[in-house]
Every structure is written in structure tokens, then in C-alpha cells.
Amino acid sequence: MLVEGRLARRLRELGLDFGAYYELVESDPQERVRMLDCICTNETHFFREPRQFEFLENQVFPAWRARAEAGTMARRVRVWSAGCSTGEEPYSMAMAFLASFPPSSGWEIEIVATDLSTRVLDRAHAAVWPIDKAKEIPGAYLKAFMLQGSGPEEGRMKAGPLVRSRVRFQRLNLNAEPFTFAGRFDLVFCRNVLIYFDAASKARVVGRLLDRLDPQGYLLLGHAETVTGLNARTRSVGPTVYAHAELRRNGRGDGVDK
């Protein structure tokens, strides 16, 4: 069993069987966090789901610029990376946004990145990866936003200060009440997270995500995920990209169809 295998080392460290460990987790919130760190799956990549980044760069970003020029949108974008793992996803967003909306253009970019695991959040905040990860990043972005290690840091790379300044990390359980941040987001990325929930939990989490999505915003899921049958408040507008169902299809706002 997957969970047993991932907890085996922790049980050996404590000298406990599963029954005794269950009692410990029930009584000790810190051990509960440690348990979740042990069992969470944290696979991720830079610029994962490339068709979604193409959708943003080719359709959403131009529409936002047009709205800003028309005075119907502030030059400010808020993004939520829910289930950010070791940070590749939110830092990919930061690079894409900074390339399309550089600071000199007057746009403000805020990215909130959350995860259940404190262990991966520590790694994400450090923003350091093996240099092999560089092959996942477009060359222009790699040159503009990433730092290559030398000396004792040889073989590693780090996100540059401009990219790091756009991302804020915090621990969050998507099933917990209430969410600990305020306001709505123009984009919500929740990719390859829903696959770990049962149907009832998926529906509840999707509903909570939509409550935090701006009326003209977009929810982006993983390629193997869908909200079909979970929530009638959405409609598909791109490759596993969803908008609020009431967003008009006639070009008002920045709604776009497939």
C-alpha cells in the first residue's frame, strides 16, 4: 500500500506501529503535518501543460492589455497556484508574466503559491534546482530570469530576485476552512491536484476555487482532470481551461471560446 510505504520510515524512527502512530497523529498537530509531508506526491516541472501557456500568451494576455488600454481593467494581475509543490509552476508563471508584462509597463503581478506540504514549500521558497531542470525552461526565459550556480553551487540554478519577488508561499489545505488569504484571482492553477480527491471532495474543492476566481478569470486544471459533472458554474474555453459559465460568449470582457 502506497501510504504504508511512505510512512514506514517515520514509524521506524519513532518505534511505533500503525495503531500507535494513528493515536499520535490524532493528538499532535505537528506530527499530523509531518505525516502529510511523508505521504504527499510532489512531481512537477517548469512550464508544464505548454498548451495552457500558449493559450495565455496568445489569447488571454492580449485581451488583458486591450482591456487595460480601454480602462476596463486595472494593470494588476493576481494568480493562485494551488498545489505548487517545489515551486516550478509558480516560478514558470512569474517568468511568463514578467516577459509579457514587464515592470516598466506599469503592471503589478502577484502570485500566491500554496501547498499542503511544508517540506516542499521550504524547497520552493529556496528556489534552487539541479541544473538539469534548465532544459524545461525556454532559452530566453532561462537567460533573463535564472541564475546558474558556480563554485560550491555548480550544477545548480536559482530563480533570480525579480522572479522570486513576484511569488508568495504559504501552507494551505484545500479542504480546510477558511482559506487564509483574501480577495479574488484572475487565474487559478490547480493542476494534477484533484486526481487525489474522491468525487465529493473534488466538487467541494472546485466550488471553493470558483468562489475565489474573478468573474472574468480562468481556472486551469491538469490535462487528465475535468470539472464535467462536478460543477455547473463553469464552461470550457481552452485546453483544460475553464471560465465562469455566465461569462458571455459574445466578446464582452475577455471571455474566449475554444
C-alpha atoms as a PDB file:
ATOM      1  CA  MET A   1       0.000   0.000   0.000  1.00  0.00           C
ATOM      2  CA  LEU A   2       1.346   3.421  -1.019  1.00  0.00           C
ATOM      3  CA  VAL A   3       0.590   5.192   2.276  1.00  0.00           C
ATOM      4  CA  GLU A   4       2.121   2.404   4.352  1.00  0.00           C
ATOM      5  CA  GLY A   5       5.288   2.504   2.281  1.00  0.00           C
ATOM      6  CA  ARG A   6       5.674   6.260   2.629  1.00  0.00           C
ATOM      7  CA  LEU A   7       5.098   6.192   6.386  1.00  0.00           C
ATOM      8  CA  ALA A   8       7.292   3.169   7.117  1.00  0.00           C
ATOM      9  CA  ARG A   9      10.481   5.168   7.668  1.00  0.00           C
ATOM     10  CA  ARG A  10       8.752   7.606  10.047  1.00  0.00           C
ATOM     11  CA  LEU A  11       7.289   4.736  12.066  1.00  0.00           C
ATOM     12  CA  ARG A  12      10.731   3.149  12.342  1.00  0.00           C
ATOM     13  CA  GLU A  13      12.179   6.467  13.551  1.00  0.00           C
ATOM     14  CA  LEU A  14       9.543   6.653  16.301  1.00  0.00           C
ATOM     15  CA  GLY A  15       9.470   2.934  17.098  1.00  0.00           C
ATOM     16  CA  LEU A  16       5.691   2.810  16.656  1.00  0.00           C
ATOM     17  CA  ASP A  17       3.215   0.543  14.905  1.00  0.00           C
ATOM     18  CA  PHE A  18       0.390   1.985  12.790  1.00  0.00           C
ATOM     19  CA  GLY A  19      -2.133   1.888  15.630  1.00  0.00           C
ATOM     20  CA  ALA A  20       0.094   3.848  17.979  1.00  0.00           C
ATOM     21  CA  TYR A  21       1.063   6.245  15.204  1.00  0.00           C
ATOM     22  CA  TYR A  22      -2.599   6.923  14.426  1.00  0.00           C
ATOM     23  CA  GLU A  23      -3.158   7.917  18.057  1.00  0.00           C
ATOM     24  CA  LEU A  24      -0.118  10.207  17.923  1.00  0.00           C
ATOM     25  CA  VAL A  25      -1.325  11.928  14.744  1.00  0.00           C
ATOM     26  CA  GLU A  26      -4.772  12.423  16.247  1.00  0.00           C
ATOM     27  CA  SER A  27      -3.331  14.164  19.318  1.00  0.00           C
ATOM     28  CA  ASP A  28      -0.342  16.054  17.868  1.00  0.00           C
ATOM     29  CA  PRO A  29      -0.943  18.679  15.124  1.00  0.00           C
ATOM     30  CA  GLN A  30       2.778  18.941  14.382  1.00  0.00           C
ATOM     31  CA  GLU A  31       3.044  15.219  13.743  1.00  0.00           C
ATOM     32  CA  ARG A  32      -0.009  15.477  11.503  1.00  0.00           C
ATOM     33  CA  VAL A  33       1.900  17.995   9.352  1.00  0.00           C
ATOM     34  CA  ARG A  34       4.942  15.677   9.345  1.00  0.00           C
ATOM     35  CA  MET A  35       2.727  12.786   8.243  1.00  0.00           C
ATOM     36  CA  LEU A  36       1.328  14.809   5.347  1.00  0.00           C
ATOM     37  CA  ASP A  37       4.867  15.712   4.290  1.00  0.00           C
ATOM     38  CA  CYS A  38       5.664  11.998   4.138  1.00  0.00           C
ATOM     39  CA  ILE A  39       2.695  10.920   2.045  1.00  0.00           C
ATOM     40  CA  CYS A  40       2.298  13.817  -0.427  1.00  0.00           C
ATOM     41  CA  THR A  41       3.229  13.282  -4.085  1.00  0.00           C
ATOM     42  CA  ASN A  42       5.294  16.196  -5.409  1.00  0.00           C
ATOM     43  CA  GLU A  43       6.067  15.633  -9.088  1.00  0.00           C
ATOM     44  CA  THR A  44       6.205  18.845 -11.097  1.00  0.00           C
ATOM     45  CA  HIS A  45       8.029  20.563 -13.969  1.00  0.00           C
ATOM     46  CA  PHE A  46       8.696  24.024 -15.333  1.00  0.00           C
ATOM     47  CA  PHE A  47       6.177  25.116 -17.977  1.00  0.00           C
ATOM     48  CA  ARG A  48       4.076  22.004 -17.529  1.00  0.00           C
ATOM     49  CA  GLU A  49       0.992  21.869 -19.775  1.00  0.00           C
ATOM     50  CA  PRO A  50       2.577  24.031 -22.538  1.00  0.00           C
ATOM     51  CA  ARG A  51      -0.728  24.410 -24.413  1.00  0.00           C
ATOM     52  CA  GLN A  52      -2.091  26.335 -21.448  1.00  0.00           C
ATOM     53  CA  PHE A  53       0.819  28.767 -21.528  1.00  0.00           C
ATOM     54  CA  GLU A  54       0.211  29.216 -25.258  1.00  0.00           C
ATOM     55  CA  PHE A  55      -3.463  29.911 -24.529  1.00  0.00           C
ATOM     56  CA  LEU A  56      -2.500  32.575 -22.001  1.00  0.00           C
ATOM     57  CA  GLU A  57       0.140  34.226 -24.176  1.00  0.00           C
ATOM     58  CA  ASN A  58      -1.883  34.153 -27.407  1.00  0.00           C
ATOM     59  CA  GLN A  59      -5.385  34.917 -26.126  1.00  0.00           C
ATOM     60  CA  VAL A  60      -5.631  35.993 -22.508  1.00  0.00           C
ATOM     61  CA  PHE A  61      -2.663  38.346 -22.224  1.00  0.00           C
ATOM     62  CA  PRO A  62      -3.570  40.362 -25.371  1.00  0.00           C
ATOM     63  CA  ALA A  63      -7.159  40.648 -24.133  1.00  0.00           C
ATOM     64  CA  TRP A  64      -5.974  41.928 -20.761  1.00  0.00           C
ATOM     65  CA  ARG A  65      -3.743  44.530 -22.414  1.00  0.00           C
ATOM     66  CA  ALA A  66      -6.662  45.668 -24.566  1.00  0.00           C
ATOM     67  CA  ARG A  67      -8.920  45.967 -21.533  1.00  0.00           C
ATOM     68  CA  ALA A  68      -6.259  47.939 -19.662  1.00  0.00           C
ATOM     69  CA  GLU A  69      -5.891  50.326 -22.603  1.00  0.00           C
ATOM     70  CA  ALA A  70      -9.664  50.748 -22.660  1.00  0.00           C
ATOM     71  CA  GLY A  71      -9.721  51.468 -18.923  1.00  0.00           C
ATOM     72  CA  THR A  72     -11.884  48.458 -18.041  1.00  0.00           C
ATOM     73  CA  MET A  73      -9.135  46.552 -16.202  1.00  0.00           C
ATOM     74  CA  ALA A  74      -6.532  47.718 -13.716  1.00  0.00           C
ATOM     75  CA  ARG A  75      -2.915  46.943 -14.579  1.00  0.00           C
ATOM     76  CA  ARG A  76      -2.789  44.368 -11.819  1.00  0.00           C
ATOM     77  CA  VAL A  77      -2.991  40.571 -12.015  1.00  0.00           C
ATOM     78  CA  ARG A  78      -3.428  38.143  -9.125  1.00  0.00           C
ATOM     79  CA  VAL A  79      -2.669  34.456  -9.647  1.00  0.00           C
ATOM     80  CA  TRP A  80      -3.069  31.470  -7.337  1.00  0.00           C
ATOM     81  CA  SER A  81      -1.011  28.307  -7.745  1.00  0.00           C
ATOM     82  CA  ALA A  82      -2.878  25.743  -5.631  1.00  0.00           C
ATOM     83  CA  GLY A  83      -0.718  22.675  -5.031  1.00  0.00           C
ATOM     84  CA  CYS A  84       2.508  24.410  -6.052  1.00  0.00           C
ATOM     85  CA  SER A  85       4.857  21.610  -4.917  1.00  0.00           C
ATOM     86  CA  THR A  86       8.546  22.605  -5.175  1.00  0.00           C
ATOM     87  CA  GLY A  87       7.786  25.844  -6.991  1.00  0.00           C
ATOM     88  CA  GLU A  88       8.318  25.124 -10.674  1.00  0.00           C
ATOM     89  CA  GLU A  89       4.720  26.059 -11.503  1.00  0.00           C
ATOM     90  CA  PRO A  90       4.522  29.493  -9.819  1.00  0.00           C
ATOM     91  CA  TYR A  91       8.007  30.458 -10.985  1.00  0.00           C
ATOM     92  CA  SER A  92       7.033  29.466 -14.544  1.00  0.00           C
ATOM     93  CA  MET A  93       4.061  31.789 -14.210  1.00  0.00           C
ATOM     94  CA  ALA A  94       6.261  34.566 -12.883  1.00  0.00           C
ATOM     95  CA  MET A  95       8.616  34.271 -15.866  1.00  0.00           C
ATOM     96  CA  ALA A  96       5.761  34.223 -18.384  1.00  0.00           C
ATOM     97  CA  PHE A  97       4.069  37.230 -16.771  1.00  0.00           C
ATOM     98  CA  LEU A  98       7.250  39.262 -16.438  1.00  0.00           C
ATOM     99  CA  ALA A  99       8.046  38.636 -20.101  1.00  0.00           C
ATOM    100  CA  SER A 100       4.581  39.787 -21.213  1.00  0.00           C
ATOM    101  CA  PHE A 101       4.019  42.461 -18.542  1.00  0.00           C
ATOM    102  CA  PRO A 102       7.457  43.848 -17.595  1.00  0.00           C
ATOM    103  CA  PRO A 103       7.665  46.186 -14.581  1.00  0.00           C
ATOM    104  CA  SER A 104       8.388  49.113 -16.920  1.00  0.00           C
ATOM    105  CA  SER A 105       4.896  48.673 -18.423  1.00  0.00           C
ATOM    106  CA  GLY A 106       3.224  49.549 -15.132  1.00  0.00           C
ATOM    107  CA  TRP A 107       1.672  46.138 -14.481  1.00  0.00           C
ATOM    108  CA  GLU A 108       1.703  44.619 -10.995  1.00  0.00           C
ATOM    109  CA  ILE A 109       1.931  40.828 -10.726  1.00  0.00           C
ATOM    110  CA  GLU A 110       1.110  38.933  -7.532  1.00  0.00           C
ATOM    111  CA  ILE A 111       1.370  35.129  -7.369  1.00  0.00           C
ATOM    112  CA  VAL A 112       0.184  33.262  -4.286  1.00  0.00           C
ATOM    113  CA  ALA A 113       1.543  29.707  -4.180  1.00  0.00           C
ATOM    114  CA  THR A 114       0.158  27.188  -1.700  1.00  0.00           C
ATOM    115  CA  ASP A 115       0.719  23.562  -0.823  1.00  0.00           C
ATOM    116  CA  LEU A 116      -0.155  21.134   1.945  1.00  0.00           C
ATOM    117  CA  SER A 117       3.457  20.024   2.465  1.00  0.00           C
ATOM    118  CA  THR A 118       5.790  22.219   4.498  1.00  0.00           C
ATOM    119  CA  ARG A 119       8.762  20.231   3.186  1.00  0.00           C
ATOM    120  CA  VAL A 120       8.152  21.143  -0.458  1.00  0.00           C
ATOM    121  CA  LEU A 121       7.260  24.730   0.443  1.00  0.00           C
ATOM    122  CA  ASP A 122      10.695  25.126   2.040  1.00  0.00           C
ATOM    123  CA  ARG A 123      12.285  23.898  -1.192  1.00  0.00           C
ATOM    124  CA  ALA A 124      10.062  26.172  -3.296  1.00  0.00           C
ATOM    125  CA  HIS A 125      10.947  29.209  -1.225  1.00  0.00           C
ATOM    126  CA  ALA A 126      14.668  28.433  -1.625  1.00  0.00           C
ATOM    127  CA  ALA A 127      14.121  28.420  -5.432  1.00  0.00           C
ATOM    128  CA  VAL A 128      17.141  26.182  -6.133  1.00  0.00           C
ATOM    129  CA  TRP A 129      17.076  23.194  -8.507  1.00  0.00           C
ATOM    130  CA  PRO A 130      19.512  20.839 -10.264  1.00  0.00           C
ATOM    131  CA  ILE A 131      20.833  22.407 -13.455  1.00  0.00           C
ATOM    132  CA  ASP A 132      19.202  19.557 -15.424  1.00  0.00           C
ATOM    133  CA  LYS A 133      15.909  21.360 -14.836  1.00  0.00           C
ATOM    134  CA  ALA A 134      17.116  24.148 -17.137  1.00  0.00           C
ATOM    135  CA  LYS A 135      16.087  22.143 -20.197  1.00  0.00           C
ATOM    136  CA  GLU A 136      12.432  22.625 -19.213  1.00  0.00           C
ATOM    137  CA  ILE A 137      12.702  26.431 -19.453  1.00  0.00           C
ATOM    138  CA  PRO A 138      12.596  28.367 -22.765  1.00  0.00           C
ATOM    139  CA  GLY A 139      16.033  29.778 -23.577  1.00  0.00           C
ATOM    140  CA  ALA A 140      15.012  33.440 -23.442  1.00  0.00           C
ATOM    141  CA  TYR A 141      13.415  32.983 -20.011  1.00  0.00           C
ATOM    142  CA  LEU A 142      16.372  30.988 -18.740  1.00  0.00           C
ATOM    143  CA  LYS A 143      18.769  33.772 -19.698  1.00  0.00           C
ATOM    144  CA  ALA A 144      16.575  36.579 -18.364  1.00  0.00           C
ATOM    145  CA  PHE A 145      15.345  35.150 -15.083  1.00  0.00           C
ATOM    146  CA  MET A 146      17.517  32.272 -13.801  1.00  0.00           C
ATOM    147  CA  LEU A 147      20.964  32.238 -12.204  1.00  0.00           C
ATOM    148  CA  GLN A 148      23.491  29.472 -12.838  1.00  0.00           C
ATOM    149  CA  GLY A 149      25.499  28.342  -9.842  1.00  0.00           C
ATOM    150  CA  SER A 150      29.285  28.344  -9.746  1.00  0.00           C
ATOM    151  CA  GLY A 151      31.918  27.143  -7.303  1.00  0.00           C
ATOM    152  CA  PRO A 152      30.200  25.241  -4.491  1.00  0.00           C
ATOM    153  CA  GLU A 153      26.853  25.840  -6.243  1.00  0.00           C
ATOM    154  CA  GLU A 154      27.994  24.388  -9.562  1.00  0.00           C
ATOM    155  CA  GLY A 155      25.409  22.041 -11.046  1.00  0.00           C
ATOM    156  CA  ARG A 156      22.505  24.017  -9.641  1.00  0.00           C
ATOM    157  CA  MET A 157      20.422  27.008 -10.683  1.00  0.00           C
ATOM    158  CA  LYS A 158      18.345  29.525  -8.765  1.00  0.00           C
ATOM    159  CA  ALA A 159      15.450  31.791  -9.651  1.00  0.00           C
ATOM    160  CA  GLY A 160      16.608  35.387  -9.931  1.00  0.00           C
ATOM    161  CA  PRO A 161      15.418  38.068  -7.498  1.00  0.00           C
ATOM    162  CA  LEU A 162      12.889  39.610  -9.904  1.00  0.00           C
ATOM    163  CA  VAL A 163      11.090  36.283 -10.299  1.00  0.00           C
ATOM    164  CA  ARG A 164      11.255  35.441  -6.604  1.00  0.00           C
ATOM    165  CA  SER A 165       9.820  38.821  -5.675  1.00  0.00           C
ATOM    166  CA  ARG A 166       6.581  38.053  -7.508  1.00  0.00           C
ATOM    167  CA  VAL A 167       5.777  34.806  -5.637  1.00  0.00           C
ATOM    168  CA  ARG A 168       4.497  34.419  -2.072  1.00  0.00           C
ATOM    169  CA  PHE A 169       4.321  30.953  -0.500  1.00  0.00           C
ATOM    170  CA  GLN A 170       2.132  29.647   2.292  1.00  0.00           C
ATOM    171  CA  ARG A 171       0.829  26.341   3.587  1.00  0.00           C
ATOM    172  CA  LEU A 172      -2.823  25.644   2.794  1.00  0.00           C
ATOM    173  CA  ASN A 173      -5.150  22.666   2.946  1.00  0.00           C
ATOM    174  CA  LEU A 174      -7.702  22.994   0.135  1.00  0.00           C
ATOM    175  CA  ASN A 175     -10.229  21.113   2.259  1.00  0.00           C
ATOM    176  CA  ALA A 176      -9.759  23.290   5.337  1.00  0.00           C
ATOM    177  CA  GLU A 177     -11.951  26.171   6.434  1.00  0.00           C
ATOM    178  CA  PRO A 178     -11.414  29.020   5.965  1.00  0.00           C
ATOM    179  CA  PHE A 179      -8.826  29.996   3.372  1.00  0.00           C
ATOM    180  CA  THR A 180      -6.280  32.268   4.999  1.00  0.00           C
ATOM    181  CA  PHE A 181      -5.961  34.905   2.266  1.00  0.00           C
ATOM    182  CA  ALA A 182      -8.400  37.486   0.984  1.00  0.00           C
ATOM    183  CA  GLY A 183      -9.574  38.601  -2.419  1.00  0.00           C
ATOM    184  CA  ARG A 184     -10.144  37.042  -5.824  1.00  0.00           C
ATOM    185  CA  PHE A 185      -7.746  35.878  -8.503  1.00  0.00           C
ATOM    186  CA  ASP A 186      -7.595  36.414 -12.253  1.00  0.00           C
ATOM    187  CA  LEU A 187      -6.104  32.941 -12.727  1.00  0.00           C
ATOM    188  CA  VAL A 188      -6.293  29.867 -10.520  1.00  0.00           C
ATOM    189  CA  PHE A 189      -3.948  26.996 -11.351  1.00  0.00           C
ATOM    190  CA  CYS A 190      -4.938  23.737  -9.669  1.00  0.00           C
ATOM    191  CA  ARG A 191      -3.205  21.181 -11.846  1.00  0.00           C
ATOM    192  CA  ASN A 192      -2.859  17.488 -11.047  1.00  0.00           C
ATOM    193  CA  VAL A 193      -4.322  18.010  -7.587  1.00  0.00           C
ATOM    194  CA  LEU A 194      -7.959  16.980  -7.991  1.00  0.00           C
ATOM    195  CA  ILE A 195      -6.922  13.459  -9.054  1.00  0.00           C
ATOM    196  CA  TYR A 196      -6.139  12.723  -5.407  1.00  0.00           C
ATOM    197  CA  PHE A 197      -9.671  13.566  -4.161  1.00  0.00           C
ATOM    198  CA  ASP A 198     -12.836  11.488  -4.174  1.00  0.00           C
ATOM    199  CA  ALA A 199     -15.853  12.813  -6.107  1.00  0.00           C
ATOM    200  CA  ALA A 200     -17.443  14.649  -3.183  1.00  0.00           C
ATOM    201  CA  SER A 201     -14.165  16.317  -2.194  1.00  0.00           C
ATOM    202  CA  LYS A 202     -13.458  17.293  -5.819  1.00  0.00           C
ATOM    203  CA  ALA A 203     -16.831  19.010  -6.107  1.00  0.00           C
ATOM    204  CA  ARG A 204     -16.311  20.844  -2.818  1.00  0.00           C
ATOM    205  CA  VAL A 205     -12.788  21.997  -3.700  1.00  0.00           C
ATOM    206  CA  VAL A 206     -13.777  23.132  -7.210  1.00  0.00           C
ATOM    207  CA  GLY A 207     -16.614  25.144  -5.702  1.00  0.00           C
ATOM    208  CA  ARG A 208     -14.224  26.821  -3.291  1.00  0.00           C
ATOM    209  CA  LEU A 209     -11.759  27.595  -6.068  1.00  0.00           C
ATOM    210  CA  LEU A 210     -14.510  29.175  -8.166  1.00  0.00           C
ATOM    211  CA  ASP A 211     -15.563  31.308  -5.208  1.00  0.00           C
ATOM    212  CA  ARG A 212     -12.070  32.841  -5.323  1.00  0.00           C
ATOM    213  CA  LEU A 213     -11.980  33.241  -9.107  1.00  0.00           C
ATOM    214  CA  ASP A 214     -12.686  36.683 -10.552  1.00  0.00           C
ATOM    215  CA  PRO A 215     -15.913  36.767 -12.638  1.00  0.00           C
ATOM    216  CA  GLN A 216     -13.749  37.152 -15.763  1.00  0.00           C
ATOM    217  CA  GLY A 217     -10.962  34.847 -14.601  1.00  0.00           C
ATOM    218  CA  TYR A 218      -9.821  31.372 -15.589  1.00  0.00           C
ATOM    219  CA  LEU A 219      -9.403  28.073 -13.766  1.00  0.00           C
ATOM    220  CA  LEU A 220      -6.633  25.850 -15.165  1.00  0.00           C
ATOM    221  CA  LEU A 221      -6.536  22.127 -14.373  1.00  0.00           C
ATOM    222  CA  GLY A 222      -4.194  19.289 -15.317  1.00  0.00           C
ATOM    223  CA  HIS A 223      -4.600  17.562 -18.693  1.00  0.00           C
ATOM    224  CA  ALA A 224      -6.178  14.484 -17.063  1.00  0.00           C
ATOM    225  CA  GLU A 225      -8.652  16.488 -14.982  1.00  0.00           C
ATOM    226  CA  THR A 226     -12.081  17.958 -15.675  1.00  0.00           C
ATOM    227  CA  VAL A 227     -14.888  19.742 -13.870  1.00  0.00           C
ATOM    228  CA  THR A 228     -17.513  17.993 -16.001  1.00  0.00           C
ATOM    229  CA  GLY A 229     -20.141  16.583 -13.690  1.00  0.00           C
ATOM    230  CA  LEU A 230     -18.650  18.384 -10.695  1.00  0.00           C
ATOM    231  CA  ASN A 231     -19.833  21.956 -11.111  1.00  0.00           C
ATOM    232  CA  ALA A 232     -22.332  23.604 -13.440  1.00  0.00           C
ATOM    233  CA  ARG A 233     -20.809  27.043 -12.836  1.00  0.00           C
ATOM    234  CA  THR A 234     -18.079  26.597 -15.458  1.00  0.00           C
ATOM    235  CA  ARG A 235     -17.639  26.256 -19.184  1.00  0.00           C
ATOM    236  CA  SER A 236     -14.595  25.099 -21.138  1.00  0.00           C
ATOM    237  CA  VAL A 237     -12.707  27.822 -23.023  1.00  0.00           C
ATOM    238  CA  GLY A 238      -9.357  26.147 -23.777  1.00  0.00           C
ATOM    239  CA  PRO A 239      -7.165  23.088 -23.068  1.00  0.00           C
ATOM    240  CA  THR A 240      -8.476  22.163 -19.583  1.00  0.00           C
ATOM    241  CA  VAL A 241      -9.121  25.864 -19.034  1.00  0.00           C
ATOM    242  CA  TYR A 242     -12.472  26.916 -17.589  1.00  0.00           C
ATOM    243  CA  ALA A 243     -14.325  30.193 -17.107  1.00  0.00           C
ATOM    244  CA  HIS A 244     -17.438  31.053 -15.153  1.00  0.00           C
ATOM    245  CA  ALA A 245     -20.484  29.823 -17.063  1.00  0.00           C
ATOM    246  CA  GLU A 246     -22.103  33.276 -17.007  1.00  0.00           C
ATOM    247  CA  LEU A 247     -19.120  34.878 -18.776  1.00  0.00           C
ATOM    248  CA  ARG A 248     -20.643  35.859 -22.114  1.00  0.00           C
ATOM    249  CA  ARG A 249     -19.501  34.347 -25.375  1.00  0.00           C
ATOM    250  CA  ASN A 250     -20.134  37.500 -27.402  1.00  0.00           C
ATOM    251  CA  GLY A 251     -16.754  39.122 -26.788  1.00  0.00           C
ATOM    252  CA  ARG A 252     -17.765  41.217 -23.767  1.00  0.00           C
ATOM    253  CA  GLY A 253     -14.991  41.154 -21.180  1.00  0.00           C
ATOM    254  CA  ASP A 254     -12.155  38.839 -22.215  1.00  0.00           C
ATOM    255  CA  GLY A 255     -14.053  35.573 -22.486  1.00  0.00           C
ATOM    256  CA  VAL A 256     -12.849  33.350 -25.311  1.00  0.00           C
ATOM    257  CA  ASP A 257     -14.125  30.080 -26.681  1.00  0.00           C
ATOM    258  CA  LYS A 258     -12.254  27.064 -27.914  1.00  0.00           C
END
